[in-house]
């Protein structure tokens, strides 16, 4: 509902009296129902002018503060506004008309920011960063240590660093469209965050980044987003250029996302335990499509589609503690025999699924792999891997398994392997094939391997 000027002044007066009666710095909580019933204040009534040529930062800041004090939404009518370095206090809420209310950044480390401000909302705005460079790890929207943050239905364009940067945030980022020079959405040390239903179209170095300063529980939900056109302008061997990057953040769920054209990975989990990568559709990836790497314990990679990558799924770095995974029910095809510039030239490519330790690989379909459909182990780094009931079609090798000195146990059973050029199941020492096809003979030499029931045609 809208407030006329008389009711506005009454609301502001009431907010001032309430503030005077409370302890300095204390914030009175609002229930979810009360948040949903906030009154609205027309920004024009507080001196904001649509389509004005001048910078309106001072008027904007005053209007934001007054509306927040009244626990009301500051409603911006359609038009273009110029402002920057706006600070959002607790209970600040700014809303526009989706696609028609545009704020163009005029300067500052961010367009809007807040530290320690709970119950903040930004919705229905086009936020244009004007390609103004921002400080390291800053975003056009930048929020630190806040509860119940909501950023919804905004279009964020021309961000000179990150589109949205969050630190220690509890809240949700939903329904936004974002492009950015660096990362579209960067979250550090989340405290209960949902990133859902957003569209990322073009980012210089990363799509959605969920990081922690130190390894710990995070639990962010990255669900039902559309992410495409992720570049790798910063270079490196995979630190950048990923659609979703989970770093040192445990118990994160990445589910139901449509990911297309990323320079490196669709989903890259680095030292991220109990990571779930479920039901994503991923096409046109430059490196490993779905990655669980380095010191993690626990990964579930299930029911994804990967079409076009150097490696479909990689569960790796047992040498650094990477272990314990389920790879199940994925459809993976068109794996090319090369990785992007900057990666280790010894890294393998053209592999559907690569695993190393304490992992079950079951019920997957892999087709058209330049190297191997499934690869188990790397040198001595193989332990307790079960590969069963998979379908592998059109590959150089069907399944490769490490038989290098020190390699551990593997079960390879009941798989369907069709149209392979160099052997259905072949033992490897690092990158070198050292056996013939173990489905025909020679498997008895390796007591650590159990091979049986596979259908080869």
Protein backbone atom coordinates (compact mmCIF):
# COMPACT_ATOMS: atom_id res chain seq x y z
CA UNK A 1 0.00 0.00 0.00
CA UNK A 2 1.09 3.61 -0.56
CA UNK A 3 1.45 6.28 2.10
CA UNK A 4 0.27 9.84 1.62
CA UNK A 5 2.49 12.58 3.06
CA UNK A 6 0.53 12.92 6.33
CA UNK A 7 0.81 9.18 7.04
CA UNK A 8 4.46 9.27 5.98
CA UNK A 9 5.32 11.97 8.54
CA UNK A 10 3.41 10.05 11.20
CA UNK A 11 5.37 6.92 10.37
CA UNK A 12 8.68 8.77 10.47
CA UNK A 13 7.77 10.37 13.79
CA UNK A 14 6.79 7.01 15.22
CA UNK A 15 10.03 5.45 14.05
CA UNK A 16 12.00 8.27 15.66
CA UNK A 17 10.19 7.85 18.96
CA UNK A 18 10.77 4.11 18.90
CA UNK A 19 14.45 4.64 18.18
CA UNK A 20 14.79 7.07 21.07
CA UNK A 21 13.16 4.61 23.44
CA UNK A 22 15.44 1.72 22.49
CA UNK A 23 19.02 1.10 23.47
CA UNK A 24 21.55 2.68 21.12
CA UNK A 25 22.56 0.28 18.35
CA UNK A 26 19.76 -2.19 19.19
CA UNK A 27 17.63 -3.52 16.32
CA UNK A 28 14.06 -4.62 16.92
CA UNK A 29 13.28 -7.83 15.05
CA UNK A 30 10.41 -8.14 12.60
CA UNK A 31 8.55 -11.33 11.95
CA UNK A 32 8.38 -12.67 8.36
CA UNK A 33 4.70 -11.65 8.27
CA UNK A 34 5.54 -8.08 9.28
CA UNK A 35 8.24 -7.93 6.62
CA UNK A 36 5.72 -9.00 3.98
CA UNK A 37 3.30 -6.26 5.05
CA UNK A 38 5.66 -3.31 4.85
CA UNK A 39 4.18 0.00 3.78
CA UNK A 40 5.62 1.82 0.77
CA UNK A 41 6.91 5.38 0.45
CA UNK A 42 7.03 7.05 -2.96
CA UNK A 43 10.63 8.18 -3.47
CA UNK A 44 9.43 11.29 -5.31
CA UNK A 45 7.78 12.50 -2.11
CA UNK A 46 11.23 12.45 -0.50
CA UNK A 47 12.89 14.53 -3.19
CA UNK A 48 14.11 11.89 -5.65
CA UNK A 49 13.55 12.89 -9.28
CA UNK A 50 13.33 10.38 -12.15
CA UNK A 51 15.49 11.13 -15.20
CA UNK A 52 17.37 13.98 -13.52
CA UNK A 53 20.75 14.66 -15.12
CA UNK A 54 22.57 15.34 -11.83
CA UNK A 55 23.96 12.94 -9.26
CA UNK A 56 21.26 12.37 -6.62
CA UNK A 57 23.38 10.46 -4.11
CA UNK A 58 22.70 12.80 -1.18
CA UNK A 59 18.95 12.82 -1.73
CA UNK A 60 18.96 9.07 -2.20
CA UNK A 61 20.83 8.47 1.03
CA UNK A 62 18.46 10.69 2.97
CA UNK A 63 15.42 8.98 1.46
CA UNK A 64 16.83 5.50 2.19
CA UNK A 65 17.48 6.42 5.81
CA UNK A 66 14.03 7.91 6.31
CA UNK A 67 12.21 4.96 4.75
CA UNK A 68 14.29 2.47 6.76
CA UNK A 69 13.50 4.34 9.97
CA UNK A 70 9.80 3.97 9.12
CA UNK A 71 10.28 0.26 8.32
CA UNK A 72 8.85 1.06 4.88
CA UNK A 73 9.81 0.20 1.31
CA UNK A 74 11.27 3.06 -0.71
CA UNK A 75 9.42 2.78 -4.02
CA UNK A 76 11.17 4.19 -7.11
CA UNK A 77 8.98 4.94 -10.12
CA UNK A 78 10.24 4.20 -13.66
CA UNK A 79 13.12 6.34 -14.85
CA UNK A 80 16.90 6.72 -14.71
CA UNK A 81 18.62 7.80 -11.50
CA UNK A 82 22.29 8.61 -10.93
CA UNK A 83 23.87 7.75 -7.59
CA UNK A 84 26.70 5.81 -5.94
CA UNK A 85 28.23 4.77 -2.63
CA UNK A 86 24.80 4.36 -1.02
CA UNK A 87 24.77 2.83 2.47
CA UNK A 88 21.80 0.73 3.50
CA UNK A 89 20.91 0.74 7.22
CA UNK A 90 18.91 -2.05 8.90
CA UNK A 91 15.40 -2.46 7.44
CA UNK A 92 16.29 -0.57 4.26
CA UNK A 93 14.20 -1.78 1.34
CA UNK A 94 14.38 -0.32 -2.17
CA UNK A 95 12.02 -1.46 -4.93
CA UNK A 96 11.46 -0.40 -8.51
CA UNK A 97 9.51 -1.41 -11.57
CA UNK A 98 11.28 -4.40 -13.09
CA UNK A 99 13.15 -3.38 -16.23
CA UNK A 100 12.03 0.26 -16.03
CA UNK A 101 13.75 1.66 -12.93
CA UNK A 102 17.46 2.13 -13.55
CA UNK A 103 20.18 3.41 -11.21
CA UNK A 104 23.46 4.34 -12.89
CA UNK A 105 26.54 4.30 -10.68
CA UNK A 106 28.39 7.60 -10.39
CA UNK A 107 31.23 6.50 -8.12
CA UNK A 108 32.30 4.79 -4.94
CA UNK A 109 33.59 1.33 -4.03
CA UNK A 110 30.05 -0.01 -4.60
CA UNK A 111 26.69 1.27 -5.75
CA UNK A 112 24.99 -0.01 -2.59
CA UNK A 113 26.58 -1.53 0.49
CA UNK A 114 25.89 -2.37 4.12
CA UNK A 115 27.70 -3.86 7.09
CA UNK A 116 25.73 -5.37 9.93
CA UNK A 117 22.37 -4.34 8.48
CA UNK A 118 19.64 -6.94 8.93
CA UNK A 119 16.33 -7.13 7.03
CA UNK A 120 17.59 -5.35 3.91
CA UNK A 121 15.88 -5.81 0.57
CA UNK A 122 16.66 -4.68 -2.99
CA UNK A 123 14.22 -5.64 -5.75
CA UNK A 124 12.98 -4.75 -9.23
CA UNK A 125 15.93 -2.49 -10.17
CA UNK A 126 18.29 -2.22 -13.12
CA UNK A 127 21.67 -1.51 -11.53
CA UNK A 128 24.20 -0.23 -14.06
CA UNK A 129 27.80 -0.12 -12.85
CA UNK A 130 29.01 1.85 -15.86
CA UNK A 131 32.10 -0.42 -15.98
CA UNK A 132 33.63 1.67 -13.16
CA UNK A 133 36.48 -0.43 -11.66
CA UNK A 134 35.74 -1.64 -8.13
CA UNK A 135 38.19 -2.71 -5.40
CA UNK A 136 39.29 -6.33 -5.06
CA UNK A 137 36.43 -8.66 -4.06
CA UNK A 138 33.93 -5.80 -4.04
CA UNK A 139 30.61 -5.94 -5.83
CA UNK A 140 28.21 -3.46 -7.31
CA UNK A 141 26.03 -4.64 -4.44
CA UNK A 142 28.20 -5.37 -1.39
CA UNK A 143 26.83 -6.70 1.89
CA UNK A 144 28.68 -7.87 5.01
CA UNK A 145 27.44 -9.61 8.18
CA UNK A 146 23.71 -9.40 7.66
CA UNK A 147 20.67 -11.55 8.35
CA UNK A 148 17.53 -11.83 6.22
CA UNK A 149 19.07 -10.12 3.18
CA UNK A 150 16.98 -10.32 0.02
CA UNK A 151 18.14 -9.34 -3.48
CA UNK A 152 15.43 -10.21 -5.99
CA UNK A 153 14.35 -9.56 -9.57
CA UNK A 154 17.14 -7.10 -10.35
CA UNK A 155 19.20 -6.69 -13.50
CA UNK A 156 22.85 -6.04 -12.71
CA UNK A 157 24.95 -4.91 -15.67
CA UNK A 158 28.36 -3.42 -16.40
CA UNK A 159 29.72 -4.30 -12.95
CA UNK A 160 33.38 -3.30 -12.78
CA UNK A 161 34.30 -6.21 -10.49
CA UNK A 162 31.70 -8.57 -8.98
CA UNK A 163 28.01 -8.13 -9.57
CA UNK A 164 27.02 -9.10 -6.02
CA UNK A 165 29.55 -9.60 -3.21
CA UNK A 166 28.40 -11.12 0.08
CA UNK A 167 30.27 -11.86 3.31
CA UNK A 168 28.78 -13.71 6.27
CA UNK A 169 25.25 -13.43 4.87
CA UNK A 170 22.00 -15.15 5.78
CA UNK A 171 19.40 -14.56 3.09
CA UNK A 172 18.55 -15.12 -0.54
CA UNK A 173 19.56 -13.94 -3.99
CA UNK A 174 16.77 -14.88 -6.38
CA UNK A 175 15.52 -14.10 -9.87
CA UNK A 176 18.29 -11.67 -10.86
CA UNK A 177 20.06 -11.28 -14.21
CA UNK A 178 23.75 -10.47 -13.86
CA UNK A 179 26.81 -9.68 -15.96
CA UNK A 180 30.14 -8.67 -14.44
CA UNK A 181 33.80 -8.08 -15.19
CA UNK A 182 34.89 -10.63 -12.56
CA UNK A 183 32.38 -12.86 -10.76
CA UNK A 184 28.62 -12.56 -11.03
CA UNK A 185 27.88 -13.61 -7.43
CA UNK A 186 30.65 -13.98 -4.86
CA UNK A 187 29.81 -15.33 -1.40
CA UNK A 188 32.33 -15.65 1.44
CA UNK A 189 31.53 -17.36 4.77
CA UNK A 190 27.78 -17.63 4.21
CA UNK A 191 25.54 -18.28 7.19
CA UNK A 192 22.46 -19.67 5.44
CA UNK A 193 22.26 -18.49 1.85
CA UNK A 194 20.06 -19.44 -1.08
CA UNK A 195 21.12 -18.51 -4.61
CA UNK A 196 18.23 -19.53 -6.83
CA UNK A 197 16.63 -18.81 -10.18
CA UNK A 198 19.23 -16.26 -11.31
CA UNK A 199 20.54 -15.79 -14.85
CA UNK A 200 24.23 -15.11 -15.38
CA UNK A 201 25.02 -13.98 -18.90
CA UNK A 202 28.70 -13.20 -19.22
CA UNK A 203 31.25 -12.98 -16.42
CA UNK A 204 34.96 -12.37 -16.77
CA UNK A 205 36.22 -15.00 -14.33
CA UNK A 206 33.40 -16.85 -12.58
CA UNK A 207 29.66 -17.29 -12.36
CA UNK A 208 28.62 -18.18 -8.79
CA UNK A 209 31.42 -18.49 -6.23
CA UNK A 210 30.76 -19.99 -2.78
CA UNK A 211 33.95 -19.65 -0.73
CA UNK A 212 35.04 -19.72 2.88
CA UNK A 213 38.03 -18.08 4.57
CA UNK A 214 38.71 -21.40 6.31
CA UNK A 215 37.20 -24.80 5.67
CA UNK A 216 33.89 -25.10 7.53
CA UNK A 217 30.18 -25.83 7.19
CA UNK A 218 28.47 -23.52 4.71
CA UNK A 219 25.30 -25.11 3.40
CA UNK A 220 24.58 -22.65 0.60
CA UNK A 221 21.93 -23.75 -1.89
CA UNK A 222 22.80 -23.03 -5.55
CA UNK A 223 19.67 -24.14 -7.35
CA UNK A 224 17.83 -23.61 -10.64
CA UNK A 225 20.14 -20.93 -12.02
CA UNK A 226 21.00 -20.35 -15.69
CA UNK A 227 24.72 -19.65 -16.17
CA UNK A 228 26.40 -19.06 -19.52
CA UNK A 229 29.34 -17.32 -21.12
CA UNK A 230 31.88 -17.66 -18.27
CA UNK A 231 35.35 -16.56 -19.34
CA UNK A 232 38.81 -16.91 -17.82
CA UNK A 233 40.36 -13.46 -18.19
CA UNK A 234 42.60 -13.89 -15.13
CA UNK A 235 44.30 -17.01 -16.51
CA UNK A 236 45.55 -19.86 -14.35
CA UNK A 237 44.87 -23.58 -14.42
CA UNK A 238 41.29 -23.63 -13.18
CA UNK A 239 41.02 -21.11 -10.35
CA UNK A 240 38.92 -18.99 -12.68
CA UNK A 241 36.54 -19.63 -15.53
CA UNK A 242 34.08 -21.84 -13.64
CA UNK A 243 30.30 -21.48 -13.73
CA UNK A 244 29.97 -22.59 -10.09
CA UNK A 245 33.01 -22.72 -7.81
CA UNK A 246 32.75 -24.11 -4.26
CA UNK A 247 35.95 -23.57 -2.25
CA UNK A 248 36.47 -24.84 1.33
CA UNK A 249 32.68 -24.69 1.83
CA UNK A 250 31.13 -27.90 3.18
CA UNK A 251 27.57 -29.19 2.73
CA UNK A 252 26.75 -27.11 -0.34
CA UNK A 253 24.04 -28.27 -2.77
CA UNK A 254 24.32 -27.41 -6.48
CA UNK A 255 21.12 -28.61 -8.10
CA UNK A 256 19.06 -28.14 -11.25
CA UNK A 257 21.22 -25.51 -12.92
CA UNK A 258 21.52 -25.00 -16.68
CA UNK A 259 25.15 -24.27 -17.45
CA UNK A 260 26.51 -23.49 -20.91
CA UNK A 261 29.87 -22.34 -22.28
CA UNK A 262 32.29 -22.02 -19.39
CA UNK A 263 36.03 -21.76 -20.02
CA UNK A 264 36.79 -24.40 -17.38
CA UNK A 265 34.24 -26.25 -15.23
CA UNK A 266 30.48 -26.24 -14.87
CA UNK A 267 30.78 -27.07 -11.16
CA UNK A 268 34.17 -27.13 -9.44
CA UNK A 269 34.39 -28.22 -5.80
CA UNK A 270 37.79 -27.60 -4.21
CA UNK A 271 38.31 -28.91 -0.66
CA UNK A 272 34.51 -28.95 -0.33
CA UNK A 273 33.18 -31.91 1.67
CA UNK A 274 29.67 -33.34 1.36
CA UNK A 275 29.18 -31.46 -1.89
CA UNK A 276 26.08 -32.48 -3.83
CA UNK A 277 26.05 -31.89 -7.61
CA UNK A 278 22.65 -33.09 -8.74
CA UNK A 279 20.51 -32.78 -11.84
CA UNK A 280 22.46 -30.09 -13.68
CA UNK A 281 22.55 -29.81 -17.49
CA UNK A 282 26.03 -28.76 -18.64
CA UNK A 283 27.20 -28.16 -22.20
CA UNK A 284 30.24 -26.61 -23.86
CA UNK A 285 32.83 -26.85 -21.06
CA UNK A 286 36.53 -26.28 -21.66
CA UNK A 287 37.93 -28.59 -18.97
CA UNK A 288 36.44 -30.94 -16.34
CA UNK A 289 32.69 -30.44 -16.31
CA UNK A 290 31.97 -31.64 -12.75
CA UNK A 291 34.90 -31.61 -10.35
CA UNK A 292 35.53 -32.73 -6.77
CA UNK A 293 39.20 -32.09 -6.06
CA UNK A 294 41.85 -31.71 -3.35
CA UNK A 295 41.15 -32.28 0.35
CA UNK A 296 37.45 -33.18 0.38
CA UNK A 297 35.60 -36.05 2.04
CA UNK A 298 32.24 -36.86 0.49
CA UNK A 299 30.79 -35.92 -2.88
CA UNK A 300 27.53 -36.94 -4.55
CA UNK A 301 27.51 -36.39 -8.31
CA UNK A 302 24.26 -37.73 -9.68
CA UNK A 303 21.74 -37.42 -12.51
CA UNK A 304 23.61 -34.72 -14.41
CA UNK A 305 23.91 -34.29 -18.18
CA UNK A 306 27.30 -33.33 -19.60
CA UNK A 307 27.64 -32.77 -23.34
CA UNK A 308 31.01 -31.43 -24.49
CA UNK A 309 34.00 -31.22 -22.12
CA UNK A 310 37.57 -32.48 -21.74
CA UNK A 311 36.50 -34.67 -18.79
CA UNK A 312 32.93 -35.29 -17.71
CA UNK A 313 33.37 -36.04 -13.99
CA UNK A 314 36.59 -36.04 -11.96
CA UNK A 315 36.88 -37.16 -8.33
CA UNK A 316 40.54 -36.71 -7.65
CA UNK A 317 43.56 -35.73 -5.51
CA UNK A 318 43.63 -38.76 -3.22
CA UNK A 319 47.24 -37.72 -2.66
CA UNK A 320 45.86 -34.68 -0.81
CA UNK A 321 42.99 -36.38 0.98
CA UNK A 322 40.33 -36.29 -1.75
CA UNK A 323 38.11 -39.32 -1.16
CA UNK A 324 34.65 -40.79 -0.69
CA UNK A 325 32.14 -40.26 -3.49
CA UNK A 326 29.15 -41.58 -5.39
CA UNK A 327 28.99 -40.99 -9.16
CA UNK A 328 25.63 -42.24 -10.31
CA UNK A 329 23.11 -41.92 -13.08
CA UNK A 330 24.93 -39.30 -15.15
CA UNK A 331 24.69 -38.99 -18.93
CA UNK A 332 28.07 -37.92 -20.30
CA UNK A 333 29.11 -37.59 -23.92
CA UNK A 334 31.42 -35.92 -26.42
CA UNK A 335 34.66 -35.76 -24.40
CA UNK A 336 37.46 -34.11 -26.38
CA UNK A 337 41.13 -34.97 -26.11
CA UNK A 338 42.47 -31.58 -25.03
CA UNK A 339 42.34 -29.19 -22.07
CA UNK A 340 42.50 -25.38 -22.14
CA UNK A 341 45.77 -23.44 -22.20
CA UNK A 342 47.30 -23.04 -18.74
CA UNK A 343 46.49 -26.52 -17.45
CA UNK A 344 49.12 -29.12 -16.64
CA UNK A 345 50.15 -30.76 -19.93
CA UNK A 346 50.26 -34.11 -18.09
CA UNK A 347 46.57 -33.92 -17.16
CA UNK A 348 44.45 -36.41 -19.04
CA UNK A 349 41.59 -35.45 -21.34
CA UNK A 350 38.92 -37.24 -23.30
CA UNK A 351 37.65 -39.15 -20.23
CA UNK A 352 34.05 -39.60 -19.24
CA UNK A 353 34.51 -40.28 -15.51
CA UNK A 354 37.77 -40.33 -13.54
CA UNK A 355 37.89 -41.46 -9.89
CA UNK A 356 40.56 -42.42 -7.37
CA UNK A 357 39.47 -43.42 -3.87
CA UNK A 358 36.54 -44.87 -1.91
CA UNK A 359 34.08 -44.28 -4.74
CA UNK A 360 31.13 -46.06 -6.32
CA UNK A 361 30.52 -45.45 -10.04
CA UNK A 362 27.22 -46.94 -11.08
CA UNK A 363 24.44 -46.54 -13.61
CA UNK A 364 26.16 -43.92 -15.77
CA UNK A 365 26.07 -43.70 -19.57
CA UNK A 366 29.21 -42.47 -21.33
CA UNK A 367 29.40 -42.02 -25.08
CA UNK A 368 32.07 -40.74 -27.44
CA UNK A 369 35.16 -40.32 -25.27
CA UNK A 370 38.42 -39.58 -27.05
CA UNK A 371 40.34 -41.51 -24.38
CA UNK A 372 38.52 -43.64 -21.77
CA UNK A 373 34.91 -44.00 -20.78
CA UNK A 374 35.84 -44.50 -17.12
CA UNK A 375 39.32 -44.20 -15.57
CA UNK A 376 40.02 -45.65 -12.12
CA UNK A 377 43.14 -44.47 -10.28
CA UNK A 378 46.27 -42.56 -11.15
CA UNK A 379 49.53 -44.36 -10.45
CA UNK A 380 49.54 -45.49 -6.82
CA UNK A 381 46.44 -43.40 -6.09
CA UNK A 382 43.70 -46.00 -6.27
CA UNK A 383 41.71 -47.41 -3.36
CA UNK A 384 38.38 -49.19 -3.01
CA UNK A 385 36.64 -48.22 -6.25
CA UNK A 386 33.57 -50.07 -7.54
CA UNK A 387 32.53 -49.61 -11.19
CA UNK A 388 29.31 -51.40 -12.04
CA UNK A 389 26.25 -51.34 -14.30
CA UNK A 390 27.50 -48.54 -16.53
CA UNK A 391 27.06 -48.22 -20.28
CA UNK A 392 30.14 -47.12 -22.24
CA UNK A 393 29.94 -46.57 -25.99
CA UNK A 394 32.43 -45.33 -28.54
CA UNK A 395 35.68 -44.71 -26.71
CA UNK A 396 39.33 -45.53 -27.16
CA UNK A 397 39.32 -47.58 -23.91
CA UNK A 398 36.18 -48.65 -22.13
CA UNK A 399 37.59 -48.70 -18.59
CA UNK A 400 41.17 -48.05 -17.56
CA UNK A 401 42.39 -49.10 -14.11
CA UNK A 402 45.72 -48.38 -12.48
CA UNK A 403 47.95 -51.40 -11.92
CA UNK A 404 51.00 -49.30 -11.00
CA UNK A 405 52.96 -50.37 -7.92
CA UNK A 406 51.04 -49.44 -4.78
CA UNK A 407 47.63 -49.18 -6.49
CA UNK A 408 44.74 -50.50 -4.42
CA UNK A 409 41.61 -52.54 -5.06
CA UNK A 410 38.90 -52.09 -7.67
CA UNK A 411 35.80 -54.02 -8.71
CA UNK A 412 34.75 -53.69 -12.36
CA UNK A 413 31.59 -55.68 -12.93
CA UNK A 414 28.43 -55.95 -15.00
CA UNK A 415 29.15 -53.03 -17.33
CA UNK A 416 28.05 -52.79 -20.95
CA UNK A 417 31.02 -51.78 -23.11
CA UNK A 418 30.49 -51.23 -26.82
CA UNK A 419 32.53 -50.05 -29.81
CA UNK A 420 35.87 -49.41 -28.09
CA UNK A 421 39.02 -49.20 -30.15
CA UNK A 422 41.88 -50.23 -27.86
CA UNK A 423 40.35 -52.52 -25.26
CA UNK A 424 37.33 -52.85 -22.99
CA UNK A 425 39.22 -52.92 -19.67
CA UNK A 426 42.94 -52.11 -19.68
CA UNK A 427 45.54 -51.79 -16.92
CA UNK A 428 47.56 -48.58 -16.78
CA UNK A 429 50.77 -47.39 -15.18
CA UNK A 430 50.16 -43.67 -15.02
CA UNK A 431 49.45 -42.72 -18.65
CA UNK A 432 50.86 -45.88 -20.20
CA UNK A 433 48.76 -48.98 -21.06
CA UNK A 434 50.62 -52.04 -19.73
CA UNK A 435 48.11 -54.86 -20.26
CA UNK A 436 45.93 -56.21 -22.95
CA UNK A 437 42.18 -56.34 -22.63
CA UNK A 438 41.60 -57.74 -19.13
CA UNK A 439 38.13 -58.96 -20.08
CA UNK A 440 39.89 -61.53 -22.27
CA UNK A 441 42.93 -62.58 -20.22
CA UNK A 442 45.55 -61.45 -17.73
CA UNK A 443 43.23 -60.24 -14.96
CA UNK A 444 44.36 -63.07 -12.67
CA UNK A 445 47.78 -61.42 -12.41
CA UNK A 446 46.28 -58.60 -10.37
CA UNK A 447 44.86 -59.89 -7.10
CA UNK A 448 43.62 -56.41 -6.19
CA UNK A 449 41.22 -56.40 -9.17
CA UNK A 450 37.87 -58.15 -9.45
CA UNK A 451 36.64 -58.16 -13.04
CA UNK A 452 33.56 -60.04 -14.13
CA UNK A 453 30.16 -60.05 -15.73
CA UNK A 454 31.00 -57.30 -18.22
CA UNK A 455 29.38 -57.44 -21.64
CA UNK A 456 31.67 -56.38 -24.48
CA UNK A 457 30.57 -55.97 -28.06
